[in-house]
Structures are given as C-alpha cells and as structure tokens.
Amino acid sequence: TDPPVHSEPRQYRLEWPRPVAQVGHWELSPDGSLIAWTFSDSLSEDGVRLGEGRIWLQAWNGLEPVAVAGTQGARRLAFSPEGSRIAFTEVGGDVKVLDLEEREVTTLASGLDAFWLAWGEDGFIYASFQSTPRPTVVRIPETGGEGEEVTDPVPGRAHRYPLPLPEGRGILFTSEFFERDPTTDSIGVMDLRSGEQRILGRGASPTFIPPGHLLWLQDDQLVAAPFDLESLSLEADPIVLRDGVLDFAPSRSGSVLLTEGGPQRVAPRLRWEDSEGTEEIVDWSFEPGPLPADLAFSPSGTRIAVAVPVPGEEVTRRIYVINLLDNSG
C-alpha cells in the first residue's frame, strides 16, 4: 500500500480594509472561497466599536471587499450548508437571512435576541445567547417559525457557539461558566437521537471537519483530534496545530481562517462608590479568572464579602472578605 500523500498547507494573509478593531465576526463559506465579516462604522477614543455594523464580503479571487446593503446592525454570521445564503443576528434581536445571489435580506425570527448562530444540514438554524437567563441552545426552522430548546440546562453554565453535526446526528457547543473564564470552558455534545448530553473535554469553539475530525481552541492553541460521528466521541488525544490563536473560522473544505493572539482573560475589579458619588477602585490582587458571583456588605459597611467560583468546579465557591478601610483582603 502506498503511503498517504500529505500536501503542504497554503497560507494567505488578509489585510482588513479598515482598522482590525472595527472587525466584529467573520466566517468562511463552506467551500472556502468567500469570507464574510461584520464591520462597525466607527471607534471610540479608547478603541471600542461604535455604531451599527454591516456585512462585508471578500472572495479570494476578488480585488476589493464589498459592503452589503440592508445588513446594518449585523453582529454574528452563519453560512448555509450550500453557501448561497448567510444567516445573521441583528442588534435589535432579529435573525435575518441574506441571499447572496439576489442580495435580498429577509427576517427569519423577530425578537429572538440570539447572538451566536450555526446553520445545520437538517433544515434548522441553531442559536445561543449572551444573556444568562437563556443558557441553552435553541433551533429555528430555516423557513422561519418558533424556536425550540435543544440542549439541557446545566446550573452555573451557559451553552454557546453551537455547531450542528452532519445529518442531524448531534450538536456540539461550548459549556462555559456564567463568569466567562476561558480556562474553564468545556466541549459539550448533545446526541439528537438519544437525547444524551455529555462533556468531551476542555476547550471552546468546537467545529467538525469531514470526514471525521474536530477542531477547537484550548487556551491559545488550535487543536484537533479524530472524532467518530456515530458514537459522538473523540478517538485520540488532541494534537496542537498552531500556537497563539485567538479565534478561527473553518470551512467544510478544510481551509481555516484564524487570527493570532492570546486567550481573552478578565481580571476581576471592584469599584467602590459612596453615598456622595465619590468613586474609588478597590485593590484586587487575584489573577485573571472567574468573576465574582455575589457581593455582600457587612452591617457596618466597612467590609465586602465576595464569592468567587473555583475554576473547573461547577458549584464550588471561595469566599473572600475585603476591608474597605485599608483595602486589605
């Protein structure tokens, strides 16, 4: 038997037509020939995106990116399986669909307030939410209609970045603490045949590459492992494909578009404000990680008790007491 042939990967560098801080979300088309992304119209003085975004398109064989009319307010994108349409969430909470050939936009669901989207081969668009009151994945028919809950809720966790598997076999998602600490993210899978839901391992943003591999992020590494679509299980430990990856978007053809960077971790901060409106930052010596879940004042108002989740544990909290008089913990 002849040994397998491994082709060298081709690498391209995309120069955004505007400052990268204005880039919102981006996706590759299923065949890898087209990039779609959102741009905000402006930035504040400290680099925060302002104004409504809209969808831009860039073909690898095209010269200039093109802004699409009628997509103002677009936040997140998802290509249809055949690549002829793009579903997107809007700032106002609607889910809309852009027909790439006709360049027409239609409303699929009003007031859903979804954020992350993925378009399945089973005729459904899967959505998840930023707000903690809606911690599960829902799906809506690609022709429009009411949404239905897909994943089972887990106390203290939210299900985000949904990824439907081929033939309606199941759905992958990121299970994360409400406090948004990326070091505690897990890869979850829901078996749509049996209704079983379980965790595959540590990481975030899982995606399936036919015929049988998963790609996902572990901290700042893009990793991959063989995946059995029938049993919905990993068949080997993951291997590192690239270090220093902040985000990535794959196509069904195997192409991957990625941005370089480190994991986005947030260091908790407390701001003290007295009855006269005077503000002061309370010293906080903890490393980046889970954000405080609960705060309570002592009767004298001189101390604060803070509950901080323990990374990797679903319900465990550590209690810290901070003395406001000398900012000691």
C-alpha atoms as a PDB file:
ATOM      1  CA  THR A   1       0.000   0.000   0.000  1.00  0.00           C
ATOM      2  CA  ASP A   2       1.342   3.398  -0.968  1.00  0.00           C
ATOM      3  CA  PRO A   3       1.928   5.787   1.937  1.00  0.00           C
ATOM      4  CA  PRO A   4      -0.568   8.639   2.307  1.00  0.00           C
ATOM      5  CA  VAL A   5       0.281  11.849   0.496  1.00  0.00           C
ATOM      6  CA  HIS A   6       0.431  14.951   2.690  1.00  0.00           C
ATOM      7  CA  SER A   7       0.241  18.281   0.900  1.00  0.00           C
ATOM      8  CA  GLU A   8       1.918  21.346   2.320  1.00  0.00           C
ATOM      9  CA  PRO A   9      -0.599  23.861   3.711  1.00  0.00           C
ATOM     10  CA  ARG A  10      -1.039  27.080   1.781  1.00  0.00           C
ATOM     11  CA  GLN A  11      -1.089  30.254   3.848  1.00  0.00           C
ATOM     12  CA  TYR A  12      -2.615  33.606   2.960  1.00  0.00           C
ATOM     13  CA  ARG A  13      -2.642  36.868   4.881  1.00  0.00           C
ATOM     14  CA  LEU A  14      -5.761  39.015   4.725  1.00  0.00           C
ATOM     15  CA  GLU A  15      -5.396  42.764   5.163  1.00  0.00           C
ATOM     16  CA  TRP A  16      -8.617  44.240   6.528  1.00  0.00           C
ATOM     17  CA  PRO A  17      -9.841  47.325   4.621  1.00  0.00           C
ATOM     18  CA  ARG A  18     -10.422  49.076   7.976  1.00  0.00           C
ATOM     19  CA  PRO A  19      -8.678  49.008  11.387  1.00  0.00           C
ATOM     20  CA  VAL A  20      -8.848  45.497  12.840  1.00  0.00           C
ATOM     21  CA  ALA A  21     -10.528  46.846  15.997  1.00  0.00           C
ATOM     22  CA  GLN A  22     -13.612  47.536  13.879  1.00  0.00           C
ATOM     23  CA  VAL A  23     -13.895  43.884  12.854  1.00  0.00           C
ATOM     24  CA  GLY A  24     -16.746  42.044  14.526  1.00  0.00           C
ATOM     25  CA  HIS A  25     -17.368  38.429  13.482  1.00  0.00           C
ATOM     26  CA  TRP A  26     -16.136  36.591  10.388  1.00  0.00           C
ATOM     27  CA  GLU A  27     -16.817  33.264   8.685  1.00  0.00           C
ATOM     28  CA  LEU A  28     -15.568  31.266   5.709  1.00  0.00           C
ATOM     29  CA  SER A  29     -18.012  29.924   3.144  1.00  0.00           C
ATOM     30  CA  PRO A  30     -18.382  26.101   3.043  1.00  0.00           C
ATOM     31  CA  ASP A  31     -16.085  25.815   0.001  1.00  0.00           C
ATOM     32  CA  GLY A  32     -13.562  28.272   1.464  1.00  0.00           C
ATOM     33  CA  SER A  33     -13.786  30.696  -1.477  1.00  0.00           C
ATOM     34  CA  LEU A  34     -15.578  33.570   0.267  1.00  0.00           C
ATOM     35  CA  ILE A  35     -15.078  35.436   3.543  1.00  0.00           C
ATOM     36  CA  ALA A  36     -17.941  37.283   5.221  1.00  0.00           C
ATOM     37  CA  TRP A  37     -17.457  39.564   8.203  1.00  0.00           C
ATOM     38  CA  THR A  38     -19.046  42.443  10.074  1.00  0.00           C
ATOM     39  CA  PHE A  39     -17.509  45.880  10.489  1.00  0.00           C
ATOM     40  CA  SER A  40     -18.639  48.615  12.846  1.00  0.00           C
ATOM     41  CA  ASP A  41     -18.780  52.062  11.336  1.00  0.00           C
ATOM     42  CA  SER A  42     -16.553  53.794  13.878  1.00  0.00           C
ATOM     43  CA  LEU A  43     -14.460  53.502  17.043  1.00  0.00           C
ATOM     44  CA  SER A  44     -14.496  55.447  20.301  1.00  0.00           C
ATOM     45  CA  GLU A  45     -11.339  57.163  21.572  1.00  0.00           C
ATOM     46  CA  ASP A  46     -10.429  54.087  23.652  1.00  0.00           C
ATOM     47  CA  GLY A  47     -10.912  51.694  20.733  1.00  0.00           C
ATOM     48  CA  VAL A  48     -14.416  50.393  21.486  1.00  0.00           C
ATOM     49  CA  ARG A  49     -16.568  49.616  18.449  1.00  0.00           C
ATOM     50  CA  LEU A  50     -19.382  52.125  17.956  1.00  0.00           C
ATOM     51  CA  GLY A  51     -22.360  52.367  15.686  1.00  0.00           C
ATOM     52  CA  GLU A  52     -24.041  49.700  13.629  1.00  0.00           C
ATOM     53  CA  GLY A  53     -22.051  47.068  11.806  1.00  0.00           C
ATOM     54  CA  ARG A  54     -22.834  45.606   8.410  1.00  0.00           C
ATOM     55  CA  ILE A  55     -21.757  42.593   6.401  1.00  0.00           C
ATOM     56  CA  TRP A  56     -18.793  42.753   4.040  1.00  0.00           C
ATOM     57  CA  LEU A  57     -17.810  40.078   1.517  1.00  0.00           C
ATOM     58  CA  GLN A  58     -14.376  39.223   0.126  1.00  0.00           C
ATOM     59  CA  ALA A  59     -13.697  36.492  -2.429  1.00  0.00           C
ATOM     60  CA  TRP A  60     -10.167  35.075  -2.578  1.00  0.00           C
ATOM     61  CA  ASN A  61     -10.179  35.733  -6.325  1.00  0.00           C
ATOM     62  CA  GLY A  62     -11.724  39.181  -5.909  1.00  0.00           C
ATOM     63  CA  LEU A  63      -9.895  42.501  -5.767  1.00  0.00           C
ATOM     64  CA  GLU A  64     -11.838  44.525  -3.206  1.00  0.00           C
ATOM     65  CA  PRO A  65     -14.225  43.718  -0.336  1.00  0.00           C
ATOM     66  CA  VAL A  66     -17.855  44.709  -0.862  1.00  0.00           C
ATOM     67  CA  ALA A  67     -20.303  46.023   1.755  1.00  0.00           C
ATOM     68  CA  VAL A  68     -23.813  44.550   1.532  1.00  0.00           C
ATOM     69  CA  ALA A  69     -26.734  46.982   1.674  1.00  0.00           C
ATOM     70  CA  GLY A  70     -29.549  46.180   4.085  1.00  0.00           C
ATOM     71  CA  THR A  71     -27.346  44.429   6.658  1.00  0.00           C
ATOM     72  CA  GLN A  72     -26.857  47.324   9.086  1.00  0.00           C
ATOM     73  CA  GLY A  73     -26.775  46.108  12.672  1.00  0.00           C
ATOM     74  CA  ALA A  74     -25.373  42.657  11.824  1.00  0.00           C
ATOM     75  CA  ARG A  75     -23.498  41.008  14.708  1.00  0.00           C
ATOM     76  CA  ARG A  76     -22.825  37.284  14.052  1.00  0.00           C
ATOM     77  CA  LEU A  77     -22.913  35.234  10.835  1.00  0.00           C
ATOM     78  CA  ALA A  78     -23.537  31.680   9.650  1.00  0.00           C
ATOM     79  CA  PHE A  79     -23.368  30.346   6.086  1.00  0.00           C
ATOM     80  CA  SER A  80     -25.999  27.921   4.853  1.00  0.00           C
ATOM     81  CA  PRO A  81     -24.647  24.407   4.110  1.00  0.00           C
ATOM     82  CA  GLU A  82     -24.578  25.029   0.355  1.00  0.00           C
ATOM     83  CA  GLY A  83     -23.083  28.516   0.799  1.00  0.00           C
ATOM     84  CA  SER A  84     -25.738  30.511  -1.062  1.00  0.00           C
ATOM     85  CA  ARG A  85     -27.181  32.288   1.995  1.00  0.00           C
ATOM     86  CA  ILE A  86     -25.974  33.866   5.232  1.00  0.00           C
ATOM     87  CA  ALA A  87     -27.992  33.972   8.434  1.00  0.00           C
ATOM     88  CA  PHE A  88     -27.101  36.798  10.794  1.00  0.00           C
ATOM     89  CA  THR A  89     -28.191  38.190  14.125  1.00  0.00           C
ATOM     90  CA  GLU A  90     -29.063  41.849  14.392  1.00  0.00           C
ATOM     91  CA  VAL A  91     -28.532  44.361  17.181  1.00  0.00           C
ATOM     92  CA  GLY A  92     -32.309  44.654  17.601  1.00  0.00           C
ATOM     93  CA  GLY A  93     -32.622  40.920  18.325  1.00  0.00           C
ATOM     94  CA  ASP A  94     -33.896  39.652  14.965  1.00  0.00           C
ATOM     95  CA  VAL A  95     -32.460  36.747  12.971  1.00  0.00           C
ATOM     96  CA  LYS A  96     -32.252  37.570   9.271  1.00  0.00           C
ATOM     97  CA  VAL A  97     -31.102  35.787   6.107  1.00  0.00           C
ATOM     98  CA  LEU A  98     -29.109  37.295   3.235  1.00  0.00           C
ATOM     99  CA  ASP A  99     -29.468  35.716  -0.214  1.00  0.00           C
ATOM    100  CA  LEU A 100     -26.006  36.097  -1.743  1.00  0.00           C
ATOM    101  CA  GLU A 101     -27.201  35.855  -5.353  1.00  0.00           C
ATOM    102  CA  GLU A 102     -30.168  38.210  -5.134  1.00  0.00           C
ATOM    103  CA  ARG A 103     -28.613  40.336  -2.343  1.00  0.00           C
ATOM    104  CA  GLU A 104     -32.008  40.371  -0.627  1.00  0.00           C
ATOM    105  CA  VAL A 105     -32.494  40.295   3.163  1.00  0.00           C
ATOM    106  CA  THR A 106     -35.486  38.643   4.837  1.00  0.00           C
ATOM    107  CA  THR A 107     -36.431  38.350   8.519  1.00  0.00           C
ATOM    108  CA  LEU A 108     -36.491  34.789   9.835  1.00  0.00           C
ATOM    109  CA  ALA A 109     -37.328  35.372  13.518  1.00  0.00           C
ATOM    110  CA  SER A 110     -38.220  38.620  15.281  1.00  0.00           C
ATOM    111  CA  GLY A 111     -37.240  39.456  18.844  1.00  0.00           C
ATOM    112  CA  LEU A 112     -35.347  36.216  19.487  1.00  0.00           C
ATOM    113  CA  ASP A 113     -32.329  38.185  20.806  1.00  0.00           C
ATOM    114  CA  ALA A 114     -29.959  35.423  19.670  1.00  0.00           C
ATOM    115  CA  PHE A 115     -26.239  36.073  19.298  1.00  0.00           C
ATOM    116  CA  TRP A 116     -24.268  33.026  18.044  1.00  0.00           C
ATOM    117  CA  LEU A 117     -25.627  31.139  15.017  1.00  0.00           C
ATOM    118  CA  ALA A 118     -24.898  27.944  13.067  1.00  0.00           C
ATOM    119  CA  TRP A 119     -26.794  26.569  10.066  1.00  0.00           C
ATOM    120  CA  GLY A 120     -27.335  22.800  10.099  1.00  0.00           C
ATOM    121  CA  GLU A 121     -27.852  20.314   7.285  1.00  0.00           C
ATOM    122  CA  ASP A 122     -31.115  19.243   8.948  1.00  0.00           C
ATOM    123  CA  GLY A 123     -33.042  22.378   7.964  1.00  0.00           C
ATOM    124  CA  PHE A 124     -32.559  24.205  11.270  1.00  0.00           C
ATOM    125  CA  ILE A 125     -30.572  27.241  12.332  1.00  0.00           C
ATOM    126  CA  TYR A 126     -29.103  26.817  15.809  1.00  0.00           C
ATOM    127  CA  ALA A 127     -28.725  29.816  18.105  1.00  0.00           C
ATOM    128  CA  SER A 128     -27.357  30.656  21.539  1.00  0.00           C
ATOM    129  CA  PHE A 129     -27.472  33.754  23.696  1.00  0.00           C
ATOM    130  CA  GLN A 130     -25.284  36.183  25.609  1.00  0.00           C
ATOM    131  CA  SER A 131     -27.727  36.640  28.488  1.00  0.00           C
ATOM    132  CA  THR A 132     -27.620  34.146  31.359  1.00  0.00           C
ATOM    133  CA  PRO A 133     -31.437  33.793  31.607  1.00  0.00           C
ATOM    134  CA  ARG A 134     -31.195  31.869  28.314  1.00  0.00           C
ATOM    135  CA  PRO A 135     -28.280  29.447  28.888  1.00  0.00           C
ATOM    136  CA  THR A 136     -29.205  26.746  26.346  1.00  0.00           C
ATOM    137  CA  VAL A 137     -29.076  26.279  22.577  1.00  0.00           C
ATOM    138  CA  VAL A 138     -32.309  26.689  20.610  1.00  0.00           C
ATOM    139  CA  ARG A 139     -33.112  25.978  16.976  1.00  0.00           C
ATOM    140  CA  ILE A 140     -35.497  27.545  14.495  1.00  0.00           C
ATOM    141  CA  PRO A 141     -36.592  26.190  11.091  1.00  0.00           C
ATOM    142  CA  GLU A 142     -34.632  27.716   8.209  1.00  0.00           C
ATOM    143  CA  THR A 143     -38.008  28.660   6.704  1.00  0.00           C
ATOM    144  CA  GLY A 144     -38.977  30.590   9.849  1.00  0.00           C
ATOM    145  CA  GLY A 145     -41.028  29.737  12.918  1.00  0.00           C
ATOM    146  CA  GLU A 146     -40.828  29.379  16.675  1.00  0.00           C
ATOM    147  CA  GLY A 147     -37.596  28.381  18.390  1.00  0.00           C
ATOM    148  CA  GLU A 148     -37.301  25.205  20.465  1.00  0.00           C
ATOM    149  CA  GLU A 149     -34.766  24.362  23.163  1.00  0.00           C
ATOM    150  CA  VAL A 150     -32.189  21.738  22.162  1.00  0.00           C
ATOM    151  CA  THR A 151     -29.645  21.334  24.977  1.00  0.00           C
ATOM    152  CA  ASP A 152     -30.397  20.622  28.631  1.00  0.00           C
ATOM    153  CA  PRO A 153     -29.573  23.428  31.086  1.00  0.00           C
ATOM    154  CA  VAL A 154     -26.652  22.951  33.499  1.00  0.00           C
ATOM    155  CA  PRO A 155     -26.570  25.011  36.734  1.00  0.00           C
ATOM    156  CA  GLY A 156     -23.980  27.783  36.565  1.00  0.00           C
ATOM    157  CA  ARG A 157     -23.163  27.104  32.910  1.00  0.00           C
ATOM    158  CA  ALA A 158     -24.167  28.577  29.564  1.00  0.00           C
ATOM    159  CA  HIS A 159     -24.136  26.769  26.215  1.00  0.00           C
ATOM    160  CA  ARG A 160     -22.658  28.903  23.437  1.00  0.00           C
ATOM    161  CA  TYR A 161     -21.028  28.588  19.974  1.00  0.00           C
ATOM    162  CA  PRO A 162     -23.391  25.849  18.707  1.00  0.00           C
ATOM    163  CA  LEU A 163     -22.201  23.606  15.869  1.00  0.00           C
ATOM    164  CA  PRO A 164     -24.691  21.130  14.354  1.00  0.00           C
ATOM    165  CA  LEU A 165     -23.156  17.886  13.083  1.00  0.00           C
ATOM    166  CA  PRO A 166     -23.923  16.341   9.664  1.00  0.00           C
ATOM    167  CA  GLU A 167     -27.237  14.583   9.020  1.00  0.00           C
ATOM    168  CA  GLY A 168     -28.758  15.958  12.212  1.00  0.00           C
ATOM    169  CA  ARG A 169     -26.690  13.488  14.240  1.00  0.00           C
ATOM    170  CA  GLY A 170     -25.998  15.850  17.130  1.00  0.00           C
ATOM    171  CA  ILE A 171     -24.823  19.270  18.158  1.00  0.00           C
ATOM    172  CA  LEU A 172     -21.528  20.493  19.609  1.00  0.00           C
ATOM    173  CA  PHE A 173     -21.325  23.519  21.887  1.00  0.00           C
ATOM    174  CA  THR A 174     -19.096  25.340  24.358  1.00  0.00           C
ATOM    175  CA  SER A 175     -20.099  24.929  28.000  1.00  0.00           C
ATOM    176  CA  GLU A 176     -18.818  27.886  29.989  1.00  0.00           C
ATOM    177  CA  PHE A 177     -19.290  29.451  33.421  1.00  0.00           C
ATOM    178  CA  PHE A 178     -21.569  32.457  33.547  1.00  0.00           C
ATOM    179  CA  GLU A 179     -18.484  34.312  34.841  1.00  0.00           C
ATOM    180  CA  ARG A 180     -16.813  33.811  31.438  1.00  0.00           C
ATOM    181  CA  ASP A 181     -13.442  32.394  32.463  1.00  0.00           C
ATOM    182  CA  PRO A 182     -11.983  30.793  29.290  1.00  0.00           C
ATOM    183  CA  THR A 183      -9.716  28.464  31.276  1.00  0.00           C
ATOM    184  CA  THR A 184     -12.779  26.508  32.471  1.00  0.00           C
ATOM    185  CA  ASP A 185     -14.563  26.135  29.103  1.00  0.00           C
ATOM    186  CA  SER A 186     -15.582  22.612  28.064  1.00  0.00           C
ATOM    187  CA  ILE A 187     -16.660  20.994  24.794  1.00  0.00           C
ATOM    188  CA  GLY A 188     -20.175  19.592  25.078  1.00  0.00           C
ATOM    189  CA  VAL A 189     -22.152  17.347  22.737  1.00  0.00           C
ATOM    190  CA  MET A 190     -25.875  16.614  22.553  1.00  0.00           C
ATOM    191  CA  ASP A 191     -26.972  13.371  20.848  1.00  0.00           C
ATOM    192  CA  LEU A 192     -30.129  14.368  18.972  1.00  0.00           C
ATOM    193  CA  ARG A 193     -31.142  10.715  18.579  1.00  0.00           C
ATOM    194  CA  SER A 194     -30.935   9.585  22.194  1.00  0.00           C
ATOM    195  CA  GLY A 195     -31.112  12.958  23.981  1.00  0.00           C
ATOM    196  CA  GLU A 196     -27.876  12.198  25.866  1.00  0.00           C
ATOM    197  CA  GLN A 197     -25.708  15.199  26.712  1.00  0.00           C
ATOM    198  CA  ARG A 198     -22.110  14.963  27.900  1.00  0.00           C
ATOM    199  CA  ILE A 199     -18.713  16.710  28.031  1.00  0.00           C
ATOM    200  CA  LEU A 200     -15.946  15.656  25.615  1.00  0.00           C
ATOM    201  CA  GLY A 201     -13.070  17.598  27.171  1.00  0.00           C
ATOM    202  CA  ARG A 202     -11.620  21.015  27.918  1.00  0.00           C
ATOM    203  CA  GLY A 203     -11.729  23.781  25.321  1.00  0.00           C
ATOM    204  CA  ALA A 204     -14.002  26.079  23.333  1.00  0.00           C
ATOM    205  CA  SER A 205     -15.464  26.759  19.866  1.00  0.00           C
ATOM    206  CA  PRO A 206     -15.635  23.159  18.545  1.00  0.00           C
ATOM    207  CA  THR A 207     -16.114  22.523  14.850  1.00  0.00           C
ATOM    208  CA  PHE A 208     -16.381  19.367  12.752  1.00  0.00           C
ATOM    209  CA  ILE A 209     -14.216  18.812   9.650  1.00  0.00           C
ATOM    210  CA  PRO A 210     -15.403  15.957   7.369  1.00  0.00           C
ATOM    211  CA  PRO A 211     -14.957  13.109   7.255  1.00  0.00           C
ATOM    212  CA  GLY A 212     -14.086  12.813  10.940  1.00  0.00           C
ATOM    213  CA  HIS A 213     -12.072  15.403  12.886  1.00  0.00           C
ATOM    214  CA  LEU A 214     -12.814  18.042  15.492  1.00  0.00           C
ATOM    215  CA  LEU A 215     -11.003  21.368  15.707  1.00  0.00           C
ATOM    216  CA  TRP A 216     -11.258  23.561  18.786  1.00  0.00           C
ATOM    217  CA  LEU A 217      -9.407  26.049  20.968  1.00  0.00           C
ATOM    218  CA  GLN A 218      -7.543  25.181  24.169  1.00  0.00           C
ATOM    219  CA  ASP A 219      -6.330  28.429  25.703  1.00  0.00           C
ATOM    220  CA  ASP A 220      -4.285  29.978  22.863  1.00  0.00           C
ATOM    221  CA  GLN A 221      -3.804  26.768  20.869  1.00  0.00           C
ATOM    222  CA  LEU A 222      -5.746  25.435  17.906  1.00  0.00           C
ATOM    223  CA  VAL A 223      -6.021  21.669  18.424  1.00  0.00           C
ATOM    224  CA  ALA A 224      -7.516  18.726  16.510  1.00  0.00           C
ATOM    225  CA  ALA A 225      -8.468  15.121  17.184  1.00  0.00           C
ATOM    226  CA  PRO A 226     -10.192  12.304  15.272  1.00  0.00           C
ATOM    227  CA  PHE A 227     -13.911  12.166  16.019  1.00  0.00           C
ATOM    228  CA  ASP A 228     -16.367   9.305  15.497  1.00  0.00           C
ATOM    229  CA  LEU A 229     -19.632  10.702  14.166  1.00  0.00           C
ATOM    230  CA  GLU A 230     -21.638   7.611  15.085  1.00  0.00           C
ATOM    231  CA  SER A 231     -20.636   7.381  18.759  1.00  0.00           C
ATOM    232  CA  LEU A 232     -20.031  11.160  19.091  1.00  0.00           C
ATOM    233  CA  SER A 233     -16.719  10.558  20.839  1.00  0.00           C
ATOM    234  CA  LEU A 234     -13.071  11.526  20.445  1.00  0.00           C
ATOM    235  CA  GLU A 235     -10.878   8.666  19.246  1.00  0.00           C
ATOM    236  CA  ALA A 236      -7.488  10.057  20.367  1.00  0.00           C
ATOM    237  CA  ASP A 237      -5.908  12.841  22.382  1.00  0.00           C
ATOM    238  CA  PRO A 238      -5.781  16.210  20.623  1.00  0.00           C
ATOM    239  CA  ILE A 239      -2.680  17.418  18.821  1.00  0.00           C
ATOM    240  CA  VAL A 240      -1.649  21.074  18.568  1.00  0.00           C
ATOM    241  CA  LEU A 241      -1.977  22.552  15.084  1.00  0.00           C
ATOM    242  CA  ARG A 242      -0.918  26.103  15.920  1.00  0.00           C
ATOM    243  CA  ASP A 243       0.032  28.209  18.926  1.00  0.00           C
ATOM    244  CA  GLY A 244      -1.025  31.785  19.612  1.00  0.00           C
ATOM    245  CA  VAL A 245      -4.538  31.569  18.118  1.00  0.00           C
ATOM    246  CA  LEU A 246      -7.221  33.960  19.331  1.00  0.00           C
ATOM    247  CA  ASP A 247     -10.079  32.852  17.065  1.00  0.00           C
ATOM    248  CA  PHE A 248     -10.629  30.742  13.964  1.00  0.00           C
ATOM    249  CA  ALA A 249     -13.231  30.001  11.307  1.00  0.00           C
ATOM    250  CA  PRO A 250     -13.005  26.778   9.261  1.00  0.00           C
ATOM    251  CA  SER A 251     -14.705  25.796   6.025  1.00  0.00           C
ATOM    252  CA  ARG A 252     -16.087  22.376   5.164  1.00  0.00           C
ATOM    253  CA  SER A 253     -13.299  22.040   2.595  1.00  0.00           C
ATOM    254  CA  GLY A 254     -10.670  22.088   5.359  1.00  0.00           C
ATOM    255  CA  SER A 255      -9.485  25.693   4.949  1.00  0.00           C
ATOM    256  CA  VAL A 256      -9.106  27.621   8.203  1.00  0.00           C
ATOM    257  CA  LEU A 257      -9.100  31.385   8.681  1.00  0.00           C
ATOM    258  CA  LEU A 258      -7.571  32.427  12.015  1.00  0.00           C
ATOM    259  CA  THR A 259      -6.478  35.442  13.988  1.00  0.00           C
ATOM    260  CA  GLU A 260      -3.364  35.383  16.118  1.00  0.00           C
ATOM    261  CA  GLY A 261      -3.339  36.371  19.774  1.00  0.00           C
ATOM    262  CA  GLY A 262      -3.674  35.057  23.329  1.00  0.00           C
ATOM    263  CA  PRO A 263      -6.679  33.979  25.391  1.00  0.00           C
ATOM    264  CA  GLN A 264      -9.023  36.745  26.476  1.00  0.00           C
ATOM    265  CA  ARG A 265      -8.945  36.639  30.260  1.00  0.00           C
ATOM    266  CA  VAL A 266     -10.544  39.158  32.558  1.00  0.00           C
ATOM    267  CA  ALA A 267      -9.086  40.208  35.904  1.00  0.00           C
ATOM    268  CA  PRO A 268     -11.841  40.966  38.445  1.00  0.00           C
ATOM    269  CA  ARG A 269     -12.101  44.593  39.557  1.00  0.00           C
ATOM    270  CA  LEU A 270     -14.278  46.232  42.206  1.00  0.00           C
ATOM    271  CA  ARG A 271     -15.318  49.863  42.116  1.00  0.00           C
ATOM    272  CA  TRP A 272     -16.401  51.487  45.402  1.00  0.00           C
ATOM    273  CA  GLU A 273     -18.840  54.418  45.313  1.00  0.00           C
ATOM    274  CA  ASP A 274     -20.008  56.224  48.465  1.00  0.00           C
ATOM    275  CA  SER A 275     -23.322  57.986  49.049  1.00  0.00           C
ATOM    276  CA  GLU A 276     -21.893  61.243  47.687  1.00  0.00           C
ATOM    277  CA  GLY A 277     -20.927  59.660  44.388  1.00  0.00           C
ATOM    278  CA  THR A 278     -17.173  59.504  45.021  1.00  0.00           C
ATOM    279  CA  GLU A 279     -15.628  56.519  43.233  1.00  0.00           C
ATOM    280  CA  GLU A 280     -12.545  54.522  44.147  1.00  0.00           C
ATOM    281  CA  ILE A 281     -11.070  51.292  42.770  1.00  0.00           C
ATOM    282  CA  VAL A 282     -10.756  48.604  45.448  1.00  0.00           C
ATOM    283  CA  ASP A 283      -7.417  46.780  45.396  1.00  0.00           C
ATOM    284  CA  TRP A 284      -7.947  43.299  43.954  1.00  0.00           C
ATOM    285  CA  SER A 285      -4.929  41.021  43.995  1.00  0.00           C
ATOM    286  CA  PHE A 286      -6.387  37.996  42.199  1.00  0.00           C
ATOM    287  CA  GLU A 287      -5.162  36.757  38.836  1.00  0.00           C
ATOM    288  CA  PRO A 288      -7.423  36.772  35.762  1.00  0.00           C
ATOM    289  CA  GLY A 289     -10.090  34.123  36.115  1.00  0.00           C
ATOM    290  CA  PRO A 290     -13.736  33.724  37.131  1.00  0.00           C
ATOM    291  CA  LEU A 291     -15.526  36.937  38.016  1.00  0.00           C
ATOM    292  CA  PRO A 292     -17.195  37.408  41.424  1.00  0.00           C
ATOM    293  CA  ALA A 293     -20.583  35.744  41.577  1.00  0.00           C
ATOM    294  CA  ASP A 294     -22.029  37.516  44.649  1.00  0.00           C
ATOM    295  CA  LEU A 295     -21.145  40.562  46.751  1.00  0.00           C
ATOM    296  CA  ALA A 296     -22.470  41.457  50.201  1.00  0.00           C
ATOM    297  CA  PHE A 297     -21.749  44.355  52.602  1.00  0.00           C
ATOM    298  CA  SER A 298     -21.181  43.954  56.326  1.00  0.00           C
ATOM    299  CA  PRO A 299     -23.726  45.768  58.560  1.00  0.00           C
ATOM    300  CA  SER A 300     -21.134  48.484  59.285  1.00  0.00           C
ATOM    301  CA  GLY A 301     -20.455  48.963  55.580  1.00  0.00           C
ATOM    302  CA  THR A 302     -16.708  48.624  56.071  1.00  0.00           C
ATOM    303  CA  ARG A 303     -16.207  45.172  54.562  1.00  0.00           C
ATOM    304  CA  ILE A 304     -17.351  43.275  51.479  1.00  0.00           C
ATOM    305  CA  ALA A 305     -17.759  39.516  51.179  1.00  0.00           C
ATOM    306  CA  VAL A 306     -17.149  38.190  47.669  1.00  0.00           C
ATOM    307  CA  ALA A 307     -17.898  34.707  46.319  1.00  0.00           C
ATOM    308  CA  VAL A 308     -15.534  33.635  43.519  1.00  0.00           C
ATOM    309  CA  PRO A 309     -16.081  30.398  41.519  1.00  0.00           C
ATOM    310  CA  VAL A 310     -13.304  27.818  41.642  1.00  0.00           C
ATOM    311  CA  PRO A 311     -12.021  27.092  38.096  1.00  0.00           C
ATOM    312  CA  GLY A 312     -13.043  23.667  36.820  1.00  0.00           C
ATOM    313  CA  GLU A 313     -15.662  23.038  39.522  1.00  0.00           C
ATOM    314  CA  GLU A 314     -19.337  23.545  38.790  1.00  0.00           C
ATOM    315  CA  VAL A 315     -20.687  24.679  42.163  1.00  0.00           C
ATOM    316  CA  THR A 316     -17.683  25.383  44.444  1.00  0.00           C
ATOM    317  CA  ARG A 317     -17.161  29.000  45.535  1.00  0.00           C
ATOM    318  CA  ARG A 318     -14.442  30.604  47.649  1.00  0.00           C
ATOM    319  CA  ILE A 319     -15.467  33.412  49.991  1.00  0.00           C
ATOM    320  CA  TYR A 320     -13.149  36.438  50.336  1.00  0.00           C
ATOM    321  CA  VAL A 321     -13.625  39.350  52.721  1.00  0.00           C
ATOM    322  CA  ILE A 322     -12.217  42.756  51.760  1.00  0.00           C
ATOM    323  CA  ASN A 323     -11.746  45.520  54.332  1.00  0.00           C
ATOM    324  CA  LEU A 324     -12.673  48.794  52.632  1.00  0.00           C
ATOM    325  CA  LEU A 325     -10.883  50.884  55.232  1.00  0.00           C
ATOM    326  CA  ASP A 326      -7.445  49.691  54.210  1.00  0.00           C
ATOM    327  CA  ASN A 327      -8.250  47.719  51.018  1.00  0.00           C
ATOM    328  CA  SER A 328      -6.901  44.537  52.568  1.00  0.00           C
ATOM    329  CA  GLY A 329      -8.271  41.103  51.776  1.00  0.00           C
END
